[in-house]
């Protein structure tokens, strides 16, 4: 039996820590007024999409964003920790400008294959890739056809979109392979599974036209 799903992957709305320039990761901060507005506008842009289910990470900023997108629609919302943001360990809550010059921080952004997360005790890119792709396959195991809303995070969605497009976790930060995800941007991916293989077809990346 062939499965065909369409995933709508949305980064959460802007948060207090985003505004303050603090590393977020597994930590959490509330949506700002702008973040709530972005989620509501995303909901309006997707009002005509008949979602059969919605999934978010286990972090409150994505749950809140998903609820604002869904509004009063009767669509079940589930959480999956595979959709959580990359864990940054001891960097979380710190001013990004204070850690930007650290060698390990530069390695995380520029050389994923050699980022070991040793000094901060966070997650490696390999760990994020493994659990995020597992989340996608777990969702696809439950549903056969239809549209699925997925609300996740900047690093996680950027990595997933690159993997869907044929990159690896090792090279996904190379120029042209991925791009930084805007808050409440819309990414659309078709998932087609038959007996022999699984295909991901990218239809939209990092679209923020609905926010203007």
N, C-alpha and C. Protein backbone atom coordinates (compact mmCIF):
# COMPACT_ATOMS: atom_id res chain seq x y z
N UNK A 1 0.84 -1.20 0.00
CA UNK A 1 0.00 0.00 0.00
C UNK A 1 0.87 1.25 0.00
N UNK A 2 0.55 2.19 -0.86
CA UNK A 2 1.31 3.43 -0.90
C UNK A 2 0.75 4.43 0.11
N UNK A 3 1.68 5.10 0.80
CA UNK A 3 1.30 6.18 1.71
C UNK A 3 1.68 7.50 1.06
N UNK A 4 0.83 8.50 1.22
CA UNK A 4 1.20 9.83 0.76
C UNK A 4 0.70 10.85 1.78
N UNK A 5 1.64 11.52 2.40
CA UNK A 5 1.35 12.53 3.40
C UNK A 5 1.98 13.85 2.98
N UNK A 6 1.40 14.94 3.43
CA UNK A 6 2.02 16.23 3.24
C UNK A 6 2.28 16.85 4.61
N UNK A 7 3.56 17.09 4.89
CA UNK A 7 3.96 17.68 6.16
C UNK A 7 4.09 19.20 6.00
N UNK A 8 3.49 19.92 6.92
CA UNK A 8 3.65 21.38 7.01
C UNK A 8 4.49 21.64 8.27
N UNK A 9 5.77 21.92 8.07
CA UNK A 9 6.68 22.12 9.20
C UNK A 9 6.82 23.62 9.48
N UNK A 10 6.53 24.00 10.71
CA UNK A 10 6.52 25.40 11.11
C UNK A 10 7.46 25.59 12.30
N UNK A 11 8.33 26.58 12.20
CA UNK A 11 9.12 26.95 13.38
C UNK A 11 8.22 27.73 14.33
N UNK A 12 8.43 27.56 15.62
CA UNK A 12 7.62 28.26 16.63
C UNK A 12 7.69 29.78 16.47
N UNK A 13 6.76 30.47 17.07
CA UNK A 13 6.74 31.93 17.06
C UNK A 13 7.90 32.51 17.86
N UNK A 14 8.17 33.77 17.61
CA UNK A 14 9.27 34.45 18.29
C UNK A 14 9.05 34.46 19.80
N UNK A 15 10.15 34.31 20.56
CA UNK A 15 10.05 34.21 22.01
C UNK A 15 10.83 35.33 22.69
N UNK A 16 10.65 35.42 24.00
CA UNK A 16 11.37 36.40 24.81
C UNK A 16 12.87 36.19 24.68
N UNK A 17 13.32 34.95 24.76
CA UNK A 17 14.76 34.68 24.65
C UNK A 17 15.28 34.99 23.26
N UNK A 18 14.46 34.78 22.22
CA UNK A 18 14.87 35.20 20.87
C UNK A 18 15.16 36.70 20.87
N UNK A 19 14.26 37.47 21.47
CA UNK A 19 14.44 38.92 21.51
C UNK A 19 15.66 39.33 22.33
N UNK A 20 15.95 38.57 23.38
CA UNK A 20 17.06 38.90 24.27
C UNK A 20 18.40 38.34 23.79
N UNK A 21 18.38 37.56 22.70
CA UNK A 21 19.62 36.99 22.17
C UNK A 21 20.21 35.92 23.06
N UNK A 22 19.34 35.11 23.68
CA UNK A 22 19.80 34.04 24.57
C UNK A 22 19.62 32.69 23.89
N UNK A 23 20.55 31.77 24.15
CA UNK A 23 20.47 30.41 23.62
C UNK A 23 19.27 29.71 24.26
N UNK A 24 18.45 29.06 23.44
CA UNK A 24 17.22 28.49 23.94
C UNK A 24 17.28 26.96 24.07
N UNK A 25 17.40 26.24 22.98
CA UNK A 25 17.54 24.79 23.05
C UNK A 25 16.44 24.11 23.83
N UNK A 26 16.83 23.29 24.80
CA UNK A 26 15.86 22.55 25.61
C UNK A 26 15.20 23.44 26.64
N UNK A 27 15.80 24.62 26.88
CA UNK A 27 15.16 25.60 27.76
C UNK A 27 13.96 26.20 27.05
N UNK A 28 13.20 26.98 27.77
CA UNK A 28 12.00 27.53 27.15
C UNK A 28 11.75 28.94 27.63
N UNK A 29 11.19 29.76 26.75
CA UNK A 29 10.68 31.06 27.14
C UNK A 29 9.38 31.31 26.40
N UNK A 30 8.59 32.22 26.89
CA UNK A 30 7.25 32.44 26.36
C UNK A 30 7.29 33.14 25.00
N UNK A 31 6.23 32.94 24.24
CA UNK A 31 6.07 33.67 22.99
C UNK A 31 5.88 35.16 23.29
N UNK A 32 6.47 35.99 22.45
CA UNK A 32 6.23 37.43 22.54
C UNK A 32 4.92 37.76 21.84
N UNK A 33 4.50 39.01 21.93
CA UNK A 33 3.31 39.45 21.21
C UNK A 33 3.49 39.22 19.71
N UNK A 34 4.71 39.51 19.22
CA UNK A 34 5.01 39.26 17.80
C UNK A 34 4.92 37.78 17.48
N UNK A 35 5.39 36.94 18.41
CA UNK A 35 5.35 35.49 18.20
C UNK A 35 3.93 34.96 18.11
N UNK A 36 3.06 35.47 18.98
CA UNK A 36 1.65 35.07 18.95
C UNK A 36 1.01 35.53 17.63
N UNK A 37 1.30 36.77 17.24
CA UNK A 37 0.74 37.31 15.99
C UNK A 37 1.18 36.47 14.79
N UNK A 38 2.47 36.09 14.77
CA UNK A 38 2.98 35.26 13.67
C UNK A 38 2.28 33.93 13.60
N UNK A 39 2.02 33.32 14.75
CA UNK A 39 1.34 32.03 14.77
C UNK A 39 -0.10 32.16 14.29
N UNK A 40 -0.78 33.24 14.70
CA UNK A 40 -2.15 33.46 14.26
C UNK A 40 -2.20 33.70 12.75
N UNK A 41 -1.26 34.48 12.22
CA UNK A 41 -1.20 34.71 10.77
C UNK A 41 -0.92 33.42 10.02
N UNK A 42 -0.08 32.56 10.61
CA UNK A 42 0.20 31.25 9.99
C UNK A 42 -1.08 30.42 9.96
N UNK A 43 -1.85 30.48 11.05
CA UNK A 43 -3.12 29.77 11.09
C UNK A 43 -4.07 30.25 10.01
N UNK A 44 -4.11 31.56 9.78
CA UNK A 44 -4.97 32.10 8.72
C UNK A 44 -4.50 31.63 7.35
N UNK A 45 -3.16 31.60 7.16
CA UNK A 45 -2.61 31.16 5.87
C UNK A 45 -2.92 29.70 5.59
N UNK A 46 -3.04 28.91 6.65
CA UNK A 46 -3.26 27.46 6.50
C UNK A 46 -4.71 27.06 6.80
N UNK A 47 -5.60 28.05 6.88
CA UNK A 47 -6.98 27.78 7.27
C UNK A 47 -7.68 26.83 6.30
N UNK A 48 -7.26 26.85 5.04
CA UNK A 48 -7.90 25.99 4.05
C UNK A 48 -7.31 24.60 3.94
N UNK A 49 -6.28 24.32 4.75
CA UNK A 49 -5.63 23.00 4.69
C UNK A 49 -6.35 22.06 5.66
N UNK A 50 -6.91 20.96 5.16
CA UNK A 50 -7.63 20.03 6.04
C UNK A 50 -6.67 19.08 6.77
N UNK A 51 -6.11 19.55 7.87
CA UNK A 51 -5.17 18.73 8.64
C UNK A 51 -5.91 17.57 9.31
N UNK A 52 -5.27 16.40 9.27
CA UNK A 52 -5.83 15.25 9.98
C UNK A 52 -5.26 15.12 11.38
N UNK A 53 -4.11 15.75 11.62
CA UNK A 53 -3.47 15.72 12.94
C UNK A 53 -2.40 16.79 13.00
N UNK A 54 -2.01 17.14 14.20
CA UNK A 54 -0.92 18.10 14.42
C UNK A 54 0.03 17.54 15.47
N UNK A 55 1.31 17.83 15.29
CA UNK A 55 2.35 17.39 16.22
C UNK A 55 3.24 18.57 16.55
N UNK A 56 3.67 18.63 17.80
CA UNK A 56 4.65 19.63 18.22
C UNK A 56 5.74 18.93 19.01
N UNK A 57 6.78 19.69 19.33
CA UNK A 57 7.76 19.17 20.28
C UNK A 57 7.11 19.18 21.67
N UNK A 58 7.87 18.79 22.67
CA UNK A 58 7.35 18.78 24.04
C UNK A 58 7.60 20.11 24.75
N UNK A 59 8.15 21.09 24.05
CA UNK A 59 8.48 22.38 24.64
C UNK A 59 7.32 23.34 24.46
N UNK A 60 7.05 24.12 25.50
CA UNK A 60 5.81 24.90 25.54
C UNK A 60 5.69 25.89 24.39
N UNK A 61 6.81 26.43 23.90
CA UNK A 61 6.72 27.43 22.83
C UNK A 61 6.16 26.85 21.54
N UNK A 62 6.40 25.56 21.30
CA UNK A 62 5.81 24.95 20.10
C UNK A 62 4.36 24.53 20.34
N UNK A 63 4.06 24.10 21.55
CA UNK A 63 2.67 23.75 21.88
C UNK A 63 1.79 24.99 21.75
N UNK A 64 2.26 26.11 22.31
CA UNK A 64 1.49 27.36 22.22
C UNK A 64 1.34 27.81 20.77
N UNK A 65 2.43 27.72 20.00
CA UNK A 65 2.37 28.10 18.59
C UNK A 65 1.37 27.24 17.84
N UNK A 66 1.41 25.94 18.06
CA UNK A 66 0.47 25.03 17.39
C UNK A 66 -0.97 25.37 17.75
N UNK A 67 -1.22 25.66 19.01
CA UNK A 67 -2.59 26.00 19.43
C UNK A 67 -3.07 27.29 18.79
N UNK A 68 -2.19 28.27 18.65
CA UNK A 68 -2.57 29.51 17.98
C UNK A 68 -2.82 29.28 16.48
N UNK A 69 -2.05 28.40 15.87
CA UNK A 69 -2.26 28.08 14.45
C UNK A 69 -3.61 27.37 14.27
N UNK A 70 -3.89 26.42 15.14
CA UNK A 70 -5.11 25.61 15.00
C UNK A 70 -6.35 26.39 15.42
N UNK A 71 -6.21 27.30 16.37
CA UNK A 71 -7.35 28.08 16.83
C UNK A 71 -8.46 27.20 17.36
N UNK A 72 -9.65 27.37 16.81
CA UNK A 72 -10.82 26.61 17.29
C UNK A 72 -11.07 25.34 16.47
N UNK A 73 -10.15 25.03 15.54
CA UNK A 73 -10.35 23.85 14.71
C UNK A 73 -10.22 22.58 15.55
N UNK A 74 -11.05 21.61 15.24
CA UNK A 74 -11.08 20.36 16.01
C UNK A 74 -10.07 19.37 15.44
N UNK A 75 -8.79 19.67 15.67
CA UNK A 75 -7.69 18.85 15.15
C UNK A 75 -6.84 18.38 16.32
N UNK A 76 -6.62 17.07 16.47
CA UNK A 76 -5.85 16.59 17.62
C UNK A 76 -4.39 17.03 17.55
N UNK A 77 -3.85 17.45 18.69
CA UNK A 77 -2.46 17.91 18.79
C UNK A 77 -1.70 16.98 19.73
N UNK A 78 -0.62 16.39 19.20
CA UNK A 78 0.20 15.46 19.97
C UNK A 78 1.61 16.03 20.12
N UNK A 79 2.33 15.54 21.15
CA UNK A 79 3.73 15.93 21.33
C UNK A 79 4.66 14.74 21.05
N UNK A 80 5.82 15.04 20.49
CA UNK A 80 6.86 14.02 20.26
C UNK A 80 8.21 14.65 20.60
N UNK A 81 8.93 14.03 21.54
CA UNK A 81 10.20 14.65 21.96
C UNK A 81 11.28 14.58 20.89
N UNK A 82 11.05 13.79 19.84
CA UNK A 82 11.99 13.79 18.72
C UNK A 82 11.98 15.09 17.95
N UNK A 83 10.92 15.89 18.15
CA UNK A 83 10.80 17.18 17.47
C UNK A 83 11.38 18.32 18.30
N UNK A 84 11.91 18.01 19.49
CA UNK A 84 12.49 19.04 20.35
C UNK A 84 13.68 19.73 19.67
N UNK A 85 14.02 20.91 20.19
CA UNK A 85 15.19 21.62 19.67
C UNK A 85 16.46 20.91 20.12
N UNK A 86 17.54 21.13 19.39
CA UNK A 86 18.85 20.63 19.77
C UNK A 86 19.17 21.11 21.19
N UNK A 87 19.64 20.19 22.02
CA UNK A 87 20.03 20.55 23.38
C UNK A 87 21.41 21.20 23.37
N UNK A 88 21.55 22.35 24.03
CA UNK A 88 22.82 23.07 24.06
C UNK A 88 23.50 23.02 25.42
N UNK A 89 22.99 22.23 26.33
CA UNK A 89 23.65 22.03 27.62
C UNK A 89 23.87 23.33 28.38
N UNK A 90 25.10 23.54 28.81
CA UNK A 90 25.44 24.69 29.65
C UNK A 90 25.34 26.03 28.92
N UNK A 91 25.19 26.01 27.60
CA UNK A 91 25.04 27.26 26.85
C UNK A 91 23.64 27.84 26.98
N UNK A 92 22.68 27.03 27.38
CA UNK A 92 21.29 27.48 27.36
C UNK A 92 21.07 28.61 28.37
N UNK A 93 20.34 29.63 27.90
CA UNK A 93 20.09 30.81 28.72
C UNK A 93 21.21 31.83 28.69
N UNK A 94 22.32 31.49 28.01
CA UNK A 94 23.45 32.42 27.93
C UNK A 94 23.31 33.36 26.73
N UNK A 95 23.94 34.52 26.87
CA UNK A 95 23.98 35.50 25.78
C UNK A 95 24.77 34.90 24.62
N UNK A 96 24.13 34.83 23.44
CA UNK A 96 24.78 34.23 22.28
C UNK A 96 26.08 34.96 21.95
N UNK A 97 26.09 36.27 22.14
CA UNK A 97 27.30 37.04 21.82
C UNK A 97 28.49 36.65 22.69
N UNK A 98 28.23 36.12 23.88
CA UNK A 98 29.31 35.73 24.78
C UNK A 98 29.91 34.38 24.43
N UNK A 99 29.15 33.57 23.69
CA UNK A 99 29.67 32.24 23.35
C UNK A 99 29.99 32.10 21.86
N UNK A 100 29.68 33.16 21.11
CA UNK A 100 29.86 33.10 19.66
C UNK A 100 31.31 32.85 19.25
N UNK A 101 32.26 33.31 20.07
CA UNK A 101 33.68 33.17 19.71
C UNK A 101 34.29 31.86 20.20
N UNK A 102 33.54 31.06 20.93
CA UNK A 102 34.06 29.77 21.39
C UNK A 102 34.28 28.85 20.19
N UNK A 103 35.41 28.13 20.21
CA UNK A 103 35.72 27.22 19.11
C UNK A 103 34.63 26.18 18.91
N UNK A 104 34.10 25.66 20.02
CA UNK A 104 33.08 24.62 19.89
C UNK A 104 31.79 25.18 19.28
N UNK A 105 31.46 26.42 19.59
CA UNK A 105 30.28 27.05 19.01
C UNK A 105 30.46 27.20 17.49
N UNK A 106 31.65 27.64 17.09
CA UNK A 106 31.93 27.78 15.66
C UNK A 106 31.87 26.42 14.97
N UNK A 107 32.39 25.39 15.63
CA UNK A 107 32.34 24.05 15.06
C UNK A 107 30.90 23.59 14.88
N UNK A 108 30.05 23.86 15.85
CA UNK A 108 28.64 23.48 15.76
C UNK A 108 28.00 24.07 14.51
N UNK A 109 28.30 25.33 14.22
CA UNK A 109 27.67 26.01 13.09
C UNK A 109 28.32 25.69 11.76
N UNK A 110 29.63 25.45 11.77
CA UNK A 110 30.37 25.36 10.52
C UNK A 110 30.83 23.95 10.15
N UNK A 111 30.92 23.05 11.13
CA UNK A 111 31.48 21.73 10.87
C UNK A 111 30.75 20.67 11.69
N UNK A 112 29.48 20.40 11.35
CA UNK A 112 28.66 19.49 12.15
C UNK A 112 29.31 18.12 12.40
N UNK A 113 30.06 17.62 11.42
CA UNK A 113 30.66 16.28 11.55
C UNK A 113 31.63 16.21 12.73
N UNK A 114 32.23 17.35 13.08
CA UNK A 114 33.22 17.35 14.15
C UNK A 114 32.73 18.05 15.42
N UNK A 115 31.44 18.36 15.47
CA UNK A 115 30.89 18.95 16.69
C UNK A 115 30.54 17.83 17.67
N UNK A 116 31.26 17.77 18.79
CA UNK A 116 31.10 16.69 19.76
C UNK A 116 30.30 17.10 21.00
N UNK A 117 29.99 18.38 21.14
CA UNK A 117 29.24 18.89 22.30
C UNK A 117 29.92 18.50 23.62
N UNK A 118 31.23 18.52 23.62
CA UNK A 118 31.98 18.04 24.79
C UNK A 118 32.01 19.06 25.93
N UNK A 119 32.22 20.34 25.61
CA UNK A 119 32.37 21.30 26.70
C UNK A 119 31.03 21.75 27.27
N UNK A 120 29.96 21.67 26.46
CA UNK A 120 28.66 22.15 26.96
C UNK A 120 27.73 21.02 27.40
N UNK A 121 28.07 19.77 27.08
CA UNK A 121 27.21 18.66 27.48
C UNK A 121 25.89 18.61 26.72
N UNK A 122 25.87 19.21 25.52
CA UNK A 122 24.64 19.23 24.73
C UNK A 122 24.52 18.04 23.80
N UNK A 123 23.70 18.20 22.76
CA UNK A 123 23.46 17.14 21.78
C UNK A 123 24.31 17.35 20.54
N UNK A 124 24.81 16.27 19.98
CA UNK A 124 25.50 16.34 18.70
C UNK A 124 24.46 16.40 17.57
N UNK A 125 24.93 16.81 16.40
CA UNK A 125 24.04 16.82 15.23
C UNK A 125 23.56 15.42 14.89
N UNK A 126 24.41 14.44 15.07
CA UNK A 126 24.01 13.05 14.78
C UNK A 126 22.84 12.64 15.66
N UNK A 127 22.89 13.01 16.93
CA UNK A 127 21.80 12.66 17.84
C UNK A 127 20.50 13.35 17.45
N UNK A 128 20.60 14.61 17.05
CA UNK A 128 19.40 15.35 16.63
C UNK A 128 18.81 14.73 15.37
N UNK A 129 19.68 14.43 14.41
CA UNK A 129 19.21 13.85 13.14
C UNK A 129 18.51 12.52 13.38
N UNK A 130 19.08 11.70 14.23
CA UNK A 130 18.52 10.37 14.48
C UNK A 130 17.13 10.46 15.11
N UNK A 131 16.99 11.30 16.14
CA UNK A 131 15.69 11.32 16.82
C UNK A 131 14.65 12.14 16.05
N UNK A 132 15.09 13.15 15.28
CA UNK A 132 14.13 13.93 14.50
C UNK A 132 13.57 13.11 13.33
N UNK A 133 14.44 12.37 12.64
CA UNK A 133 13.96 11.53 11.54
C UNK A 133 13.10 10.39 12.08
N UNK A 134 13.45 9.89 13.26
CA UNK A 134 12.60 8.85 13.88
C UNK A 134 11.21 9.41 14.14
N UNK A 135 11.14 10.67 14.59
CA UNK A 135 9.84 11.28 14.83
C UNK A 135 9.01 11.33 13.55
N UNK A 136 9.65 11.72 12.44
CA UNK A 136 8.94 11.78 11.16
C UNK A 136 8.42 10.39 10.76
N UNK A 137 9.27 9.38 10.92
CA UNK A 137 8.84 8.03 10.55
C UNK A 137 7.79 7.49 11.52
N UNK A 138 7.87 7.86 12.79
CA UNK A 138 6.83 7.47 13.75
C UNK A 138 5.48 8.04 13.34
N UNK A 139 5.48 9.32 12.96
CA UNK A 139 4.24 9.97 12.52
C UNK A 139 3.70 9.29 11.26
N UNK A 140 4.61 8.99 10.33
CA UNK A 140 4.19 8.35 9.08
C UNK A 140 3.68 6.93 9.30
N UNK A 141 4.10 6.30 10.39
CA UNK A 141 3.61 4.96 10.71
C UNK A 141 2.14 5.00 11.11
N UNK A 142 1.73 6.09 11.74
CA UNK A 142 0.37 6.21 12.26
C UNK A 142 -0.64 6.59 11.18
N UNK A 143 -0.20 7.40 10.21
CA UNK A 143 -1.12 7.96 9.21
C UNK A 143 -0.77 7.45 7.81
N UNK A 144 -1.79 7.29 6.98
CA UNK A 144 -1.58 6.81 5.61
C UNK A 144 -1.69 7.90 4.56
N UNK A 145 -2.65 8.80 4.74
CA UNK A 145 -2.88 9.86 3.75
C UNK A 145 -3.34 11.10 4.49
N UNK A 146 -2.98 12.26 3.94
CA UNK A 146 -3.50 13.50 4.49
C UNK A 146 -2.42 14.50 4.83
N UNK A 147 -2.85 15.61 5.42
CA UNK A 147 -1.96 16.72 5.77
C UNK A 147 -1.68 16.72 7.27
N UNK A 148 -0.41 16.89 7.61
CA UNK A 148 0.03 16.86 9.00
C UNK A 148 0.73 18.17 9.33
N UNK A 149 0.29 18.84 10.39
CA UNK A 149 0.97 20.03 10.89
C UNK A 149 2.05 19.60 11.88
N UNK A 150 3.28 20.11 11.70
CA UNK A 150 4.39 19.82 12.61
C UNK A 150 5.00 21.14 13.05
N UNK A 151 4.98 21.42 14.35
CA UNK A 151 5.56 22.65 14.88
C UNK A 151 6.81 22.27 15.68
N UNK A 152 7.95 22.79 15.25
CA UNK A 152 9.22 22.41 15.86
C UNK A 152 10.11 23.65 15.98
N UNK A 153 11.41 23.48 15.77
CA UNK A 153 12.40 24.50 16.14
C UNK A 153 13.38 24.77 15.00
N UNK A 154 14.12 25.87 15.15
CA UNK A 154 15.00 26.34 14.09
C UNK A 154 16.04 25.33 13.64
N UNK A 155 16.86 24.85 14.57
CA UNK A 155 17.91 23.89 14.19
C UNK A 155 17.29 22.58 13.71
N UNK A 156 16.25 22.13 14.40
CA UNK A 156 15.65 20.83 14.07
C UNK A 156 15.03 20.84 12.68
N UNK A 157 14.26 21.89 12.37
CA UNK A 157 13.62 21.95 11.04
C UNK A 157 14.66 22.18 9.95
N UNK A 158 15.63 23.03 10.22
CA UNK A 158 16.68 23.26 9.21
C UNK A 158 17.38 21.95 8.86
N UNK A 159 17.70 21.15 9.86
CA UNK A 159 18.35 19.86 9.63
C UNK A 159 17.41 18.91 8.88
N UNK A 160 16.17 18.81 9.32
CA UNK A 160 15.22 17.92 8.65
C UNK A 160 15.04 18.28 7.18
N UNK A 161 14.86 19.56 6.90
CA UNK A 161 14.65 19.98 5.51
C UNK A 161 15.86 19.63 4.64
N UNK A 162 17.05 19.77 5.21
CA UNK A 162 18.26 19.40 4.47
C UNK A 162 18.31 17.89 4.22
N UNK A 163 17.96 17.11 5.24
CA UNK A 163 17.96 15.65 5.10
C UNK A 163 16.91 15.22 4.06
N UNK A 164 15.73 15.84 4.10
CA UNK A 164 14.70 15.52 3.10
C UNK A 164 15.21 15.79 1.69
N UNK A 165 16.09 16.78 1.57
CA UNK A 165 16.57 17.22 0.26
C UNK A 165 17.86 16.53 -0.16
N UNK A 166 18.27 15.50 0.58
CA UNK A 166 19.41 14.68 0.17
C UNK A 166 20.73 14.98 0.85
N UNK A 167 20.76 15.96 1.75
CA UNK A 167 21.99 16.24 2.49
C UNK A 167 22.16 15.21 3.61
N UNK A 168 23.29 15.27 4.29
CA UNK A 168 23.55 14.44 5.47
C UNK A 168 23.68 15.37 6.67
N UNK A 169 23.61 14.79 7.87
CA UNK A 169 23.78 15.63 9.06
C UNK A 169 25.18 16.22 9.08
N UNK A 170 26.15 15.52 8.48
CA UNK A 170 27.53 16.02 8.46
C UNK A 170 27.71 17.26 7.59
N UNK A 171 27.00 17.30 6.45
CA UNK A 171 27.25 18.42 5.51
C UNK A 171 26.09 19.40 5.40
N UNK A 172 25.08 19.27 6.24
CA UNK A 172 23.85 20.04 6.02
C UNK A 172 24.03 21.54 6.22
N UNK A 173 25.12 21.97 6.88
CA UNK A 173 25.32 23.41 7.08
C UNK A 173 26.14 24.05 5.96
N UNK A 174 26.55 23.27 4.98
CA UNK A 174 27.29 23.84 3.86
C UNK A 174 26.40 24.78 3.07
N UNK A 175 27.03 25.78 2.47
CA UNK A 175 26.29 26.78 1.69
C UNK A 175 25.43 26.12 0.62
N UNK A 176 24.16 26.50 0.59
CA UNK A 176 23.25 25.98 -0.42
C UNK A 176 22.50 24.72 -0.01
N UNK A 177 22.91 24.10 1.08
CA UNK A 177 22.25 22.86 1.52
C UNK A 177 21.12 23.11 2.51
N UNK A 178 21.15 24.23 3.21
CA UNK A 178 20.10 24.55 4.16
C UNK A 178 20.12 26.04 4.43
N UNK A 179 19.08 26.51 5.11
CA UNK A 179 19.02 27.92 5.45
C UNK A 179 18.40 28.10 6.83
N UNK A 180 18.76 29.20 7.47
CA UNK A 180 18.24 29.49 8.80
C UNK A 180 16.73 29.69 8.73
N UNK A 181 16.00 29.02 9.63
CA UNK A 181 14.55 29.06 9.61
C UNK A 181 14.02 30.30 10.32
N UNK A 182 13.13 31.02 9.66
CA UNK A 182 12.48 32.19 10.25
C UNK A 182 11.36 31.72 11.19
N UNK A 183 11.08 32.51 12.21
CA UNK A 183 9.97 32.17 13.11
C UNK A 183 8.65 32.13 12.33
N UNK A 184 7.86 31.12 12.57
CA UNK A 184 6.57 30.83 11.93
C UNK A 184 6.65 30.80 10.41
N UNK A 185 7.81 30.45 9.88
CA UNK A 185 7.92 30.20 8.44
C UNK A 185 7.24 28.87 8.11
N UNK A 186 6.77 28.75 6.88
CA UNK A 186 6.07 27.55 6.42
C UNK A 186 6.98 26.74 5.50
N UNK A 187 7.13 25.47 5.82
CA UNK A 187 7.88 24.51 4.99
C UNK A 187 6.93 23.37 4.65
N UNK A 188 6.85 23.02 3.37
CA UNK A 188 5.92 21.97 2.95
C UNK A 188 6.70 20.85 2.26
N UNK A 189 6.45 19.62 2.72
CA UNK A 189 7.16 18.44 2.21
C UNK A 189 6.17 17.32 1.97
N UNK A 190 6.20 16.74 0.79
CA UNK A 190 5.39 15.55 0.51
C UNK A 190 6.20 14.31 0.85
N UNK A 191 5.54 13.39 1.52
CA UNK A 191 6.14 12.11 1.93
C UNK A 191 5.42 11.01 1.15
N UNK A 192 6.17 10.29 0.33
CA UNK A 192 5.58 9.21 -0.46
C UNK A 192 6.31 7.91 -0.14
N UNK A 193 5.55 6.94 0.32
CA UNK A 193 6.15 5.64 0.68
C UNK A 193 5.44 4.53 -0.09
N UNK A 194 6.23 3.71 -0.77
CA UNK A 194 5.68 2.51 -1.38
C UNK A 194 6.48 1.31 -0.88
N UNK A 195 6.28 0.18 -1.50
CA UNK A 195 6.93 -1.04 -1.02
C UNK A 195 8.45 -0.96 -1.11
N UNK A 196 8.96 -0.18 -2.04
CA UNK A 196 10.40 -0.19 -2.31
C UNK A 196 11.17 0.96 -1.66
N UNK A 197 10.54 2.11 -1.51
CA UNK A 197 11.31 3.23 -0.99
C UNK A 197 10.42 4.33 -0.41
N UNK A 198 11.09 5.33 0.15
CA UNK A 198 10.43 6.51 0.69
C UNK A 198 11.01 7.72 -0.02
N UNK A 199 10.15 8.60 -0.48
CA UNK A 199 10.60 9.83 -1.13
C UNK A 199 10.09 11.04 -0.34
N UNK A 200 10.93 12.05 -0.27
CA UNK A 200 10.54 13.34 0.27
C UNK A 200 10.62 14.36 -0.87
N UNK A 201 9.54 15.07 -1.13
CA UNK A 201 9.51 16.07 -2.20
C UNK A 201 9.26 17.44 -1.57
N UNK A 202 10.24 18.32 -1.69
CA UNK A 202 10.14 19.65 -1.10
C UNK A 202 9.25 20.53 -1.97
N UNK A 203 8.23 21.13 -1.38
CA UNK A 203 7.34 22.02 -2.13
C UNK A 203 7.52 23.48 -1.72
N UNK A 204 7.95 23.73 -0.49
CA UNK A 204 8.12 25.10 -0.04
C UNK A 204 9.12 25.12 1.11
N UNK A 205 10.01 26.13 1.12
CA UNK A 205 11.01 26.25 2.19
C UNK A 205 11.00 27.67 2.74
N UNK A 206 10.83 27.75 4.07
CA UNK A 206 11.08 29.02 4.79
C UNK A 206 10.23 30.17 4.25
N UNK A 207 8.99 29.87 3.92
CA UNK A 207 8.10 30.89 3.34
C UNK A 207 7.51 31.77 4.45
N UNK A 208 7.71 33.06 4.34
CA UNK A 208 7.16 34.00 5.33
C UNK A 208 6.27 35.05 4.66
N UNK A 209 5.81 34.78 3.45
CA UNK A 209 4.99 35.75 2.74
C UNK A 209 3.71 36.08 3.52
N UNK A 210 3.21 35.11 4.29
CA UNK A 210 1.98 35.31 5.05
C UNK A 210 2.17 36.26 6.23
N UNK A 211 3.40 36.58 6.56
CA UNK A 211 3.67 37.44 7.72
C UNK A 211 3.72 38.91 7.37
N UNK A 212 3.79 39.21 6.07
CA UNK A 212 3.95 40.61 5.66
C UNK A 212 2.59 41.29 5.49
